[in-house]
Amino acid sequence: MYDAAWLSERQRELVAGFVRKVRTLVFSGVWCGDCAQQCPLIQRIVEANPEKMDLRFFAHAPEEELDPDLRMNGGSRVPVFSSFRKMGGGAALLETAL
């Protein structure tokens, strides 16, 4: 799947223009078909601006429950992408995509 994931030139230019560091946490599972399709594209986005993008994957076992804020319709569904940027002495949540 990674080899099939790509960004257009315009998308690479857009990501290359990021000026603030963005950290993205991904809850995923090797058993998850959606993760297998979506996570390689997120990796390609990070590769377009590695100085400003930081990506971490966390394994999620299907029997584990996610935090209620990360659930979709009450269920623990993956992948979940949460992006943060540094603010002062801490970090601010930019967005969580389910």
Protein backbone atom coordinates (compact mmCIF):
# COMPACT_ATOMS: atom_id res chain seq x y z
CA MET A 1 0.00 0.00 0.00
CA TYR A 2 2.86 2.40 0.73
CA ASP A 3 4.07 2.24 -2.86
CA ALA A 4 0.59 3.15 -4.12
CA ALA A 5 0.34 6.23 -1.85
CA TRP A 6 1.51 9.49 -3.39
CA LEU A 7 1.02 13.24 -3.21
CA SER A 8 0.58 15.54 -6.18
CA GLU A 9 3.18 18.22 -6.78
CA ARG A 10 0.75 20.85 -5.47
CA GLN A 11 0.12 18.82 -2.30
CA ARG A 12 3.88 18.42 -1.71
CA GLU A 13 4.34 22.18 -2.15
CA LEU A 14 1.55 22.89 0.32
CA VAL A 15 3.04 20.60 2.98
CA ALA A 16 6.55 21.92 2.31
CA GLY A 17 5.24 25.39 3.20
CA PHE A 18 4.35 24.46 6.79
CA VAL A 19 6.22 26.81 9.14
CA ARG A 20 5.21 25.35 12.51
CA LYS A 21 6.07 21.89 13.71
CA VAL A 22 3.07 19.54 13.63
CA ARG A 23 3.09 16.35 15.64
CA THR A 24 0.65 13.63 14.68
CA LEU A 25 -0.23 10.60 16.78
CA VAL A 26 -1.94 7.71 15.01
CA PHE A 27 -3.77 4.91 16.78
CA SER A 28 -3.84 2.04 14.30
CA GLY A 29 -3.84 -1.72 14.02
CA VAL A 30 -2.11 -4.08 11.61
CA TRP A 31 -5.41 -5.98 11.46
CA CYS A 32 -7.29 -2.89 10.21
CA GLY A 33 -7.97 -2.49 6.48
CA ASP A 34 -8.66 1.26 6.81
CA CYS A 35 -5.30 1.71 8.55
CA ALA A 36 -3.51 -0.17 5.78
CA GLN A 37 -4.99 2.24 3.23
CA GLN A 38 -4.77 5.56 5.10
CA CYS A 39 -1.56 5.37 7.14
CA PRO A 40 0.80 5.19 4.13
CA LEU A 41 -0.66 8.45 2.82
CA ILE A 42 -0.08 10.13 6.19
CA GLN A 43 3.52 8.86 6.02
CA ARG A 44 3.91 10.45 2.56
CA ILE A 45 2.63 13.77 3.93
CA VAL A 46 5.25 13.67 6.68
CA GLU A 47 7.97 12.81 4.15
CA ALA A 48 7.08 15.97 2.20
CA ASN A 49 8.28 18.14 5.13
CA PRO A 50 10.18 16.02 7.68
CA GLU A 51 11.63 19.11 9.39
CA LYS A 52 8.15 20.32 10.38
CA MET A 53 6.25 17.05 10.71
CA ASP A 54 6.59 14.38 13.37
CA LEU A 55 4.59 11.15 13.15
CA ARG A 56 4.14 8.41 15.74
CA PHE A 57 2.09 5.25 15.39
CA PHE A 58 0.57 3.50 18.39
CA ALA A 59 -0.65 -0.07 18.10
CA HIS A 60 -4.26 -0.52 19.09
CA ALA A 61 -5.48 -4.02 19.87
CA PRO A 62 -9.09 -4.64 18.81
CA GLU A 63 -10.11 -5.65 22.33
CA GLU A 64 -8.82 -2.39 23.87
CA GLU A 65 -11.09 0.61 24.42
CA LEU A 66 -10.00 4.04 23.24
CA ASP A 67 -10.52 7.18 25.29
CA PRO A 68 -14.13 8.40 24.91
CA ASP A 69 -12.91 11.51 23.03
CA LEU A 70 -11.36 9.25 20.39
CA ARG A 71 -14.39 7.05 19.78
CA MET A 72 -16.69 7.18 16.79
CA ASN A 73 -20.37 6.64 17.55
CA GLY A 74 -19.32 5.22 20.91
CA GLY A 75 -17.01 2.58 19.41
CA SER A 76 -13.23 2.21 19.42
CA ARG A 77 -12.57 2.59 15.71
CA VAL A 78 -9.16 3.07 14.12
CA PRO A 79 -7.31 4.75 12.57
CA VAL A 80 -7.49 7.85 14.73
CA PHE A 81 -5.21 10.76 13.81
CA SER A 82 -4.53 13.50 16.39
CA SER A 83 -2.35 16.46 15.43
CA PHE A 84 -0.68 18.83 17.88
CA ARG A 85 1.50 21.91 17.71
CA LYS A 86 3.74 23.32 20.39
CA MET A 87 2.46 26.31 22.29
CA GLY A 88 4.50 27.92 25.04
CA GLY A 89 5.60 25.20 27.44
CA GLY A 90 3.05 22.64 26.26
CA ALA A 91 1.16 21.37 23.25
CA ALA A 92 -2.22 22.26 21.79
CA LEU A 93 -4.49 19.81 20.05
CA LEU A 94 -5.11 20.99 16.50
CA GLU A 95 -7.47 18.31 15.27
CA THR A 96 -8.52 14.73 15.79
CA ALA A 97 -9.77 12.87 12.74
CA LEU A 98 -11.64 9.61 13.17
